[in-house]
Amino acid sequence: SLYSVLVRGARAVLQLYPENSEQLELITTQAIKAGFT
């Protein structure tokens, strides 16, 4: 949904505190799956 509401070519910068590397990988994997680079 975030990918949809952004103008094409726009950026999203999300500051976060991942608990571990597995959690960070889970987050980035779903972002890429949604269409982000």
ModelCIF file with pLDDT and N, C-alpha, C, O atoms, coordinates in Angstrom:
data_MODEL
#
_entry.id   MODEL 
#
_entity.id                         1 
_entity.type                       polymer 
_entity.pdbx_number_of_molecules   1 
#
_entity_poly.entity_id                      1 
_entity_poly.type                           'polypeptide(L)' 
_entity_poly.nstd_linkage                   no 
_entity_poly.nstd_monomer                   no 
_entity_poly.pdbx_seq_one_letter_code       SLYSVLVRGARAVLQLYPENSEQLELITTQAIKAGFT 
_entity_poly.pdbx_seq_one_letter_code_can   SLYSVLVRGARAVLQLYPENSEQLELITTQAIKAGFT 
_entity_poly.pdbx_strand_id                 A 
#
loop_
_entity_poly_seq.entity_id 
_entity_poly_seq.num 
_entity_poly_seq.mon_id 
_entity_poly_seq.hetero 
1 1  SER n 
1 2  LEU n 
1 3  TYR n 
1 4  SER n 
1 5  VAL n 
1 6  LEU n 
1 7  VAL n 
1 8  ARG n 
1 9  GLY n 
1 10 ALA n 
1 11 ARG n 
1 12 ALA n 
1 13 VAL n 
1 14 LEU n 
1 15 GLN n 
1 16 LEU n 
1 17 TYR n 
1 18 PRO n 
1 19 GLU n 
1 20 ASN n 
1 21 SER n 
1 22 GLU n 
1 23 GLN n 
1 24 LEU n 
1 25 GLU n 
1 26 LEU n 
1 27 ILE n 
1 28 THR n 
1 29 THR n 
1 30 GLN n 
1 31 ALA n 
1 32 ILE n 
1 33 LYS n 
1 34 ALA n 
1 35 GLY n 
1 36 PHE n 
1 37 THR n 
#
_struct_asym.id          A 
_struct_asym.entity_id   1 
#
loop_
_ma_qa_metric.id 
_ma_qa_metric.mode 
_ma_qa_metric.name 
_ma_qa_metric.software_group_id 
_ma_qa_metric.type 
1 global pLDDT . pLDDT 
2 local  pLDDT . pLDDT 
#
_ma_qa_metric_global.metric_id      1 
_ma_qa_metric_global.metric_value   95.05 
_ma_qa_metric_global.model_id       1 
_ma_qa_metric_global.ordinal_id     1 
#
loop_
_ma_qa_metric_local.label_asym_id 
_ma_qa_metric_local.label_comp_id 
_ma_qa_metric_local.label_seq_id 
_ma_qa_metric_local.metric_id 
_ma_qa_metric_local.metric_value 
_ma_qa_metric_local.model_id 
_ma_qa_metric_local.ordinal_id 
A SER 1  2 97.00 1 1  
A LEU 2  2 97.00 1 2  
A TYR 3  2 97.00 1 3  
A SER 4  2 97.00 1 4  
A VAL 5  2 97.00 1 5  
A LEU 6  2 97.00 1 6  
A VAL 7  2 96.00 1 7  
A ARG 8  2 94.00 1 8  
A GLY 9  2 92.00 1 9  
A ALA 10 2 95.00 1 10 
A ARG 11 2 95.00 1 11 
A ALA 12 2 97.00 1 12 
A VAL 13 2 97.00 1 13 
A LEU 14 2 97.00 1 14 
A GLN 15 2 96.00 1 15 
A LEU 16 2 95.00 1 16 
A TYR 17 2 93.00 1 17 
A PRO 18 2 92.00 1 18 
A GLU 19 2 90.00 1 19 
A ASN 20 2 92.00 1 20 
A SER 21 2 93.00 1 21 
A GLU 22 2 94.00 1 22 
A GLN 23 2 93.00 1 23 
A LEU 24 2 95.00 1 24 
A GLU 25 2 95.00 1 25 
A LEU 26 2 95.00 1 26 
A ILE 27 2 96.00 1 27 
A THR 28 2 96.00 1 28 
A THR 29 2 96.00 1 29 
A GLN 30 2 96.00 1 30 
A ALA 31 2 96.00 1 31 
A ILE 32 2 95.00 1 32 
A LYS 33 2 96.00 1 33 
A ALA 34 2 95.00 1 34 
A GLY 35 2 94.00 1 35 
A PHE 36 2 95.00 1 36 
A THR 37 2 94.00 1 37 
#
loop_
_atom_site.group_PDB 
_atom_site.id 
_atom_site.type_symbol 
_atom_site.label_atom_id 
_atom_site.label_alt_id 
_atom_site.label_comp_id 
_atom_site.label_asym_id 
_atom_site.label_entity_id 
_atom_site.label_seq_id 
_atom_site.pdbx_PDB_ins_code 
_atom_site.Cartn_x 
_atom_site.Cartn_y 
_atom_site.Cartn_z 
_atom_site.occupancy 
_atom_site.B_iso_or_equiv 
_atom_site.pdbx_formal_charge 
_atom_site.auth_seq_id 
_atom_site.auth_comp_id 
_atom_site.auth_asym_id 
_atom_site.auth_atom_id 
_atom_site.pdbx_PDB_model_num 
ATOM 1   N N  . SER A 1 1  ? 0.830  -1.209  0.000  1.00 97.00 ? 1  SER A N  1 
ATOM 2   C CA . SER A 1 1  ? 0.000  0.000   0.000  1.00 97.00 ? 1  SER A CA 1 
ATOM 3   C C  . SER A 1 1  ? 0.862  1.255   0.000  1.00 97.00 ? 1  SER A C  1 
ATOM 4   O O  . SER A 1 1  ? 0.498  2.258   -0.614 1.00 97.00 ? 1  SER A O  1 
ATOM 5   N N  . LEU A 1 2  ? 2.006  1.206   0.688  1.00 97.00 ? 2  LEU A N  1 
ATOM 6   C CA . LEU A 1 2  ? 2.919  2.345   0.680  1.00 97.00 ? 2  LEU A CA 1 
ATOM 7   C C  . LEU A 1 2  ? 3.459  2.587   -0.727 1.00 97.00 ? 2  LEU A C  1 
ATOM 8   O O  . LEU A 1 2  ? 3.562  3.731   -1.169 1.00 97.00 ? 2  LEU A O  1 
ATOM 9   N N  . TYR A 1 3  ? 3.799  1.515   -1.422 1.00 97.00 ? 3  TYR A N  1 
ATOM 10  C CA . TYR A 1 3  ? 4.286  1.638   -2.791 1.00 97.00 ? 3  TYR A CA 1 
ATOM 11  C C  . TYR A 1 3  ? 3.228  2.312   -3.673 1.00 97.00 ? 3  TYR A C  1 
ATOM 12  O O  . TYR A 1 3  ? 3.555  3.104   -4.557 1.00 97.00 ? 3  TYR A O  1 
ATOM 13  N N  . SER A 1 4  ? 1.978  1.991   -3.420 1.00 97.00 ? 4  SER A N  1 
ATOM 14  C CA . SER A 1 4  ? 0.889  2.546   -4.228 1.00 97.00 ? 4  SER A CA 1 
ATOM 15  C C  . SER A 1 4  ? 0.697  4.044   -4.000 1.00 97.00 ? 4  SER A C  1 
ATOM 16  O O  . SER A 1 4  ? 0.478  4.792   -4.953 1.00 97.00 ? 4  SER A O  1 
ATOM 17  N N  . VAL A 1 5  ? 0.777  4.490   -2.734 1.00 97.00 ? 5  VAL A N  1 
ATOM 18  C CA . VAL A 1 5  ? 0.444  5.886   -2.438 1.00 97.00 ? 5  VAL A CA 1 
ATOM 19  C C  . VAL A 1 5  ? 1.574  6.849   -2.773 1.00 97.00 ? 5  VAL A C  1 
ATOM 20  O O  . VAL A 1 5  ? 1.382  8.064   -2.727 1.00 97.00 ? 5  VAL A O  1 
ATOM 21  N N  . LEU A 1 6  ? 2.755  6.322   -3.112 1.00 97.00 ? 6  LEU A N  1 
ATOM 22  C CA . LEU A 1 6  ? 3.875  7.194   -3.468 1.00 97.00 ? 6  LEU A CA 1 
ATOM 23  C C  . LEU A 1 6  ? 3.880  7.509   -4.960 1.00 97.00 ? 6  LEU A C  1 
ATOM 24  O O  . LEU A 1 6  ? 3.513  6.671   -5.783 1.00 97.00 ? 6  LEU A O  1 
ATOM 25  N N  . VAL A 1 7  ? 4.297  8.716   -5.295 1.00 96.00 ? 7  VAL A N  1 
ATOM 26  C CA . VAL A 1 7  ? 4.525  9.086   -6.680 1.00 96.00 ? 7  VAL A CA 1 
ATOM 27  C C  . VAL A 1 7  ? 5.662  8.215   -7.223 1.00 96.00 ? 7  VAL A C  1 
ATOM 28  O O  . VAL A 1 7  ? 6.648  7.974   -6.527 1.00 96.00 ? 7  VAL A O  1 
ATOM 29  N N  . ARG A 1 8  ? 5.525  7.754   -8.444 1.00 94.00 ? 8  ARG A N  1 
ATOM 30  C CA . ARG A 1 8  ? 6.585  6.913   -9.014 1.00 94.00 ? 8  ARG A CA 1 
ATOM 31  C C  . ARG A 1 8  ? 7.920  7.655   -9.009 1.00 94.00 ? 8  ARG A C  1 
ATOM 32  O O  . ARG A 1 8  ? 8.015  8.811   -9.422 1.00 94.00 ? 8  ARG A O  1 
ATOM 33  N N  . GLY A 1 9  ? 8.931  6.962   -8.535 1.00 92.00 ? 9  GLY A N  1 
ATOM 34  C CA . GLY A 1 9  ? 10.242 7.566   -8.410 1.00 92.00 ? 9  GLY A CA 1 
ATOM 35  C C  . GLY A 1 9  ? 10.509 8.166   -7.046 1.00 92.00 ? 9  GLY A C  1 
ATOM 36  O O  . GLY A 1 9  ? 11.634 8.572   -6.755 1.00 92.00 ? 9  GLY A O  1 
ATOM 37  N N  . ALA A 1 10 ? 9.475  8.227   -6.195 1.00 95.00 ? 10 ALA A N  1 
ATOM 38  C CA . ALA A 1 10 ? 9.636  8.791   -4.856 1.00 95.00 ? 10 ALA A CA 1 
ATOM 39  C C  . ALA A 1 10 ? 10.354 7.804   -3.937 1.00 95.00 ? 10 ALA A C  1 
ATOM 40  O O  . ALA A 1 10 ? 10.485 6.620   -4.248 1.00 95.00 ? 10 ALA A O  1 
ATOM 41  N N  . ARG A 1 11 ? 10.814 8.320   -2.806 1.00 95.00 ? 11 ARG A N  1 
ATOM 42  C CA . ARG A 1 11 ? 11.516 7.489   -1.831 1.00 95.00 ? 11 ARG A CA 1 
ATOM 43  C C  . ARG A 1 11 ? 10.727 7.397   -0.527 1.00 95.00 ? 11 ARG A C  1 
ATOM 44  O O  . ARG A 1 11 ? 9.915  8.263   -0.201 1.00 95.00 ? 11 ARG A O  1 
ATOM 45  N N  . ALA A 1 12 ? 10.990 6.328   0.199  1.00 97.00 ? 12 ALA A N  1 
ATOM 46  C CA . ALA A 1 12 ? 10.513 6.181   1.569  1.00 97.00 ? 12 ALA A CA 1 
ATOM 47  C C  . ALA A 1 12 ? 11.725 5.866   2.429  1.00 97.00 ? 12 ALA A C  1 
ATOM 48  O O  . ALA A 1 12 ? 12.506 4.974   2.098  1.00 97.00 ? 12 ALA A O  1 
ATOM 49  N N  . VAL A 1 13 ? 11.887 6.587   3.525  1.00 97.00 ? 13 VAL A N  1 
ATOM 50  C CA . VAL A 1 13 ? 13.000 6.356   4.445  1.00 97.00 ? 13 VAL A CA 1 
ATOM 51  C C  . VAL A 1 13 ? 12.417 6.000   5.804  1.00 97.00 ? 13 VAL A C  1 
ATOM 52  O O  . VAL A 1 13 ? 11.767 6.822   6.450  1.00 97.00 ? 13 VAL A O  1 
ATOM 53  N N  . LEU A 1 14 ? 12.657 4.774   6.224  1.00 97.00 ? 14 LEU A N  1 
ATOM 54  C CA . LEU A 1 14 ? 12.050 4.251   7.438  1.00 97.00 ? 14 LEU A CA 1 
ATOM 55  C C  . LEU A 1 14 ? 13.145 3.934   8.451  1.00 97.00 ? 14 LEU A C  1 
ATOM 56  O O  . LEU A 1 14 ? 13.905 2.981   8.276  1.00 97.00 ? 14 LEU A O  1 
ATOM 57  N N  . GLN A 1 15 ? 13.222 4.736   9.507  1.00 96.00 ? 15 GLN A N  1 
ATOM 58  C CA . GLN A 1 15 ? 14.179 4.449   10.567 1.00 96.00 ? 15 GLN A CA 1 
ATOM 59  C C  . GLN A 1 15 ? 13.569 3.370   11.462 1.00 96.00 ? 15 GLN A C  1 
ATOM 60  O O  . GLN A 1 15 ? 12.394 3.454   11.820 1.00 96.00 ? 15 GLN A O  1 
ATOM 61  N N  . LEU A 1 16 ? 14.352 2.365   11.821 1.00 95.00 ? 16 LEU A N  1 
ATOM 62  C CA . LEU A 1 16 ? 13.818 1.254   12.600 1.00 95.00 ? 16 LEU A CA 1 
ATOM 63  C C  . LEU A 1 16 ? 14.879 0.674   13.511 1.00 95.00 ? 16 LEU A C  1 
ATOM 64  O O  . LEU A 1 16 ? 16.074 0.917   13.344 1.00 95.00 ? 16 LEU A O  1 
ATOM 65  N N  . TYR A 1 17 ? 14.408 -0.103  14.486 1.00 93.00 ? 17 TYR A N  1 
ATOM 66  C CA . TYR A 1 17 ? 15.287 -0.793  15.417 1.00 93.00 ? 17 TYR A CA 1 
ATOM 67  C C  . TYR A 1 17 ? 15.044 -2.296  15.290 1.00 93.00 ? 17 TYR A C  1 
ATOM 68  O O  . TYR A 1 17 ? 14.254 -2.852  16.052 1.00 93.00 ? 17 TYR A O  1 
ATOM 69  N N  . PRO A 1 18 ? 15.703 -2.962  14.346 1.00 92.00 ? 18 PRO A N  1 
ATOM 70  C CA . PRO A 1 18 ? 15.494 -4.403  14.207 1.00 92.00 ? 18 PRO A CA 1 
ATOM 71  C C  . PRO A 1 18 ? 16.054 -5.158  15.408 1.00 92.00 ? 18 PRO A C  1 
ATOM 72  O O  . PRO A 1 18 ? 17.111 -4.812  15.935 1.00 92.00 ? 18 PRO A O  1 
ATOM 73  N N  . GLU A 1 19 ? 15.341 -6.180  15.827 1.00 90.00 ? 19 GLU A N  1 
ATOM 74  C CA . GLU A 1 19 ? 15.787 -6.965  16.983 1.00 90.00 ? 19 GLU A CA 1 
ATOM 75  C C  . GLU A 1 19 ? 17.011 -7.807  16.643 1.00 90.00 ? 19 GLU A C  1 
ATOM 76  O O  . GLU A 1 19 ? 17.884 -8.013  17.487 1.00 90.00 ? 19 GLU A O  1 
ATOM 77  N N  . ASN A 1 20 ? 17.074 -8.296  15.398 1.00 92.00 ? 20 ASN A N  1 
ATOM 78  C CA . ASN A 1 20 ? 18.198 -9.120  14.967 1.00 92.00 ? 20 ASN A CA 1 
ATOM 79  C C  . ASN A 1 20 ? 18.246 -9.111  13.440 1.00 92.00 ? 20 ASN A C  1 
ATOM 80  O O  . ASN A 1 20 ? 17.407 -8.486  12.791 1.00 92.00 ? 20 ASN A O  1 
ATOM 81  N N  . SER A 1 21 ? 19.229 -9.805  12.873 1.00 93.00 ? 21 SER A N  1 
ATOM 82  C CA . SER A 1 21 ? 19.393 -9.819  11.424 1.00 93.00 ? 21 SER A CA 1 
ATOM 83  C C  . SER A 1 21 ? 18.232 -10.532 10.734 1.00 93.00 ? 21 SER A C  1 
ATOM 84  O O  . SER A 1 21 ? 17.857 -10.170 9.618  1.00 93.00 ? 21 SER A O  1 
ATOM 85  N N  . GLU A 1 22 ? 17.660 -11.545 11.392 1.00 94.00 ? 22 GLU A N  1 
ATOM 86  C CA . GLU A 1 22 ? 16.518 -12.256 10.801 1.00 94.00 ? 22 GLU A CA 1 
ATOM 87  C C  . GLU A 1 22 ? 15.316 -11.335 10.646 1.00 94.00 ? 22 GLU A C  1 
ATOM 88  O O  . GLU A 1 22 ? 14.616 -11.378 9.634  1.00 94.00 ? 22 GLU A O  1 
ATOM 89  N N  . GLN A 1 23 ? 15.083 -10.501 11.656 1.00 93.00 ? 23 GLN A N  1 
ATOM 90  C CA . GLN A 1 23 ? 13.958 -9.575  11.576 1.00 93.00 ? 23 GLN A CA 1 
ATOM 91  C C  . GLN A 1 23 ? 14.183 -8.532  10.487 1.00 93.00 ? 23 GLN A C  1 
ATOM 92  O O  . GLN A 1 23 ? 13.252 -8.178  9.764  1.00 93.00 ? 23 GLN A O  1 
ATOM 93  N N  . LEU A 1 24 ? 15.404 -8.044  10.368 1.00 95.00 ? 24 LEU A N  1 
ATOM 94  C CA . LEU A 1 24 ? 15.714 -7.078  9.321  1.00 95.00 ? 24 LEU A CA 1 
ATOM 95  C C  . LEU A 1 24 ? 15.538 -7.694  7.939  1.00 95.00 ? 24 LEU A C  1 
ATOM 96  O O  . LEU A 1 24 ? 15.052 -7.035  7.020  1.00 95.00 ? 24 LEU A O  1 
ATOM 97  N N  . GLU A 1 25 ? 15.930 -8.953  7.791  1.00 95.00 ? 25 GLU A N  1 
ATOM 98  C CA . GLU A 1 25 ? 15.755 -9.644  6.509  1.00 95.00 ? 25 GLU A CA 1 
ATOM 99  C C  . GLU A 1 25 ? 14.277 -9.842  6.185  1.00 95.00 ? 25 GLU A C  1 
ATOM 100 O O  . GLU A 1 25 ? 13.874 -9.720  5.028  1.00 95.00 ? 25 GLU A O  1 
ATOM 101 N N  . LEU A 1 26 ? 13.467 -10.147 7.200  1.00 95.00 ? 26 LEU A N  1 
ATOM 102 C CA . LEU A 1 26 ? 12.027 -10.294 6.996  1.00 95.00 ? 26 LEU A CA 1 
ATOM 103 C C  . LEU A 1 26 ? 11.423 -8.992  6.467  1.00 95.00 ? 26 LEU A C  1 
ATOM 104 O O  . LEU A 1 26 ? 10.616 -9.008  5.537  1.00 95.00 ? 26 LEU A O  1 
ATOM 105 N N  . ILE A 1 27 ? 11.815 -7.881  7.057  1.00 96.00 ? 27 ILE A N  1 
ATOM 106 C CA . ILE A 1 27 ? 11.283 -6.580  6.660  1.00 96.00 ? 27 ILE A CA 1 
ATOM 107 C C  . ILE A 1 27 ? 11.706 -6.234  5.234  1.00 96.00 ? 27 ILE A C  1 
ATOM 108 O O  . ILE A 1 27 ? 10.868 -5.854  4.415  1.00 96.00 ? 27 ILE A O  1 
ATOM 109 N N  . THR A 1 28 ? 12.977 -6.359  4.935  1.00 96.00 ? 28 THR A N  1 
ATOM 110 C CA . THR A 1 28 ? 13.464 -5.994  3.605  1.00 96.00 ? 28 THR A CA 1 
ATOM 111 C C  . THR A 1 28 ? 12.907 -6.923  2.526  1.00 96.00 ? 28 THR A C  1 
ATOM 112 O O  . THR A 1 28 ? 12.646 -6.487  1.405  1.00 96.00 ? 28 THR A O  1 
ATOM 113 N N  . THR A 1 29 ? 12.728 -8.183  2.857  1.00 96.00 ? 29 THR A N  1 
ATOM 114 C CA . THR A 1 29 ? 12.185 -9.137  1.882  1.00 96.00 ? 29 THR A CA 1 
ATOM 115 C C  . THR A 1 29 ? 10.775 -8.750  1.463  1.00 96.00 ? 29 THR A C  1 
ATOM 116 O O  . THR A 1 29 ? 10.444 -8.794  0.279  1.00 96.00 ? 29 THR A O  1 
ATOM 117 N N  . GLN A 1 30 ? 9.948  -8.374  2.425  1.00 96.00 ? 30 GLN A N  1 
ATOM 118 C CA . GLN A 1 30 ? 8.576  -7.986  2.103  1.00 96.00 ? 30 GLN A CA 1 
ATOM 119 C C  . GLN A 1 30 ? 8.524  -6.663  1.341  1.00 96.00 ? 30 GLN A C  1 
ATOM 120 O O  . GLN A 1 30 ? 7.644  -6.461  0.505  1.00 96.00 ? 30 GLN A O  1 
ATOM 121 N N  . ALA A 1 31 ? 9.468  -5.759  1.628  1.00 96.00 ? 31 ALA A N  1 
ATOM 122 C CA . ALA A 1 31 ? 9.516  -4.494  0.894  1.00 96.00 ? 31 ALA A CA 1 
ATOM 123 C C  . ALA A 1 31 ? 9.860  -4.739  -0.569 1.00 96.00 ? 31 ALA A C  1 
ATOM 124 O O  . ALA A 1 31 ? 9.253  -4.142  -1.458 1.00 96.00 ? 31 ALA A O  1 
ATOM 125 N N  . ILE A 1 32 ? 10.825 -5.611  -0.824 1.00 95.00 ? 32 ILE A N  1 
ATOM 126 C CA . ILE A 1 32 ? 11.214 -5.931  -2.200 1.00 95.00 ? 32 ILE A CA 1 
ATOM 127 C C  . ILE A 1 32 ? 10.076 -6.665  -2.910 1.00 95.00 ? 32 ILE A C  1 
ATOM 128 O O  . ILE A 1 32 ? 9.816  -6.431  -4.091 1.00 95.00 ? 32 ILE A O  1 
ATOM 129 N N  . LYS A 1 33 ? 9.411  -7.544  -2.188 1.00 96.00 ? 33 LYS A N  1 
ATOM 130 C CA . LYS A 1 33 ? 8.285  -8.283  -2.758 1.00 96.00 ? 33 LYS A CA 1 
ATOM 131 C C  . LYS A 1 33 ? 7.165  -7.343  -3.196 1.00 96.00 ? 33 LYS A C  1 
ATOM 132 O O  . LYS A 1 33 ? 6.449  -7.621  -4.159 1.00 96.00 ? 33 LYS A O  1 
ATOM 133 N N  . ALA A 1 34 ? 7.021  -6.218  -2.475 1.00 95.00 ? 34 ALA A N  1 
ATOM 134 C CA . ALA A 1 34 ? 5.980  -5.238  -2.796 1.00 95.00 ? 34 ALA A CA 1 
ATOM 135 C C  . ALA A 1 34 ? 6.349  -4.356  -3.978 1.00 95.00 ? 34 ALA A C  1 
ATOM 136 O O  . ALA A 1 34 ? 5.510  -3.595  -4.460 1.00 95.00 ? 34 ALA A O  1 
ATOM 137 N N  . GLY A 1 35 ? 7.587  -4.442  -4.455 1.00 94.00 ? 35 GLY A N  1 
ATOM 138 C CA . GLY A 1 35 ? 7.990  -3.671  -5.634 1.00 94.00 ? 35 GLY A CA 1 
ATOM 139 C C  . GLY A 1 35 ? 9.093  -2.667  -5.399 1.00 94.00 ? 35 GLY A C  1 
ATOM 140 O O  . GLY A 1 35 ? 9.597  -2.078  -6.356 1.00 94.00 ? 35 GLY A O  1 
ATOM 141 N N  . PHE A 1 36 ? 9.486  -2.451  -4.148 1.00 95.00 ? 36 PHE A N  1 
ATOM 142 C CA . PHE A 1 36 ? 10.526 -1.469  -3.852 1.00 95.00 ? 36 PHE A CA 1 
ATOM 143 C C  . PHE A 1 36 ? 11.913 -1.996  -4.221 1.00 95.00 ? 36 PHE A C  1 
ATOM 144 O O  . PHE A 1 36 ? 12.154 -3.203  -4.259 1.00 95.00 ? 36 PHE A O  1 
ATOM 145 N N  . THR A 1 37 ? 12.805 -1.059  -4.488 1.00 94.00 ? 37 THR A N  1 
ATOM 146 C CA . THR A 1 37 ? 14.234 -1.350  -4.544 1.00 94.00 ? 37 THR A CA 1 
ATOM 147 C C  . THR A 1 37 ? 14.892 -0.515  -3.454 1.00 94.00 ? 37 THR A C  1 
ATOM 148 O O  . THR A 1 37 ? 16.110 -0.572  -3.283 1.00 94.00 ? 37 THR A O  1 
#
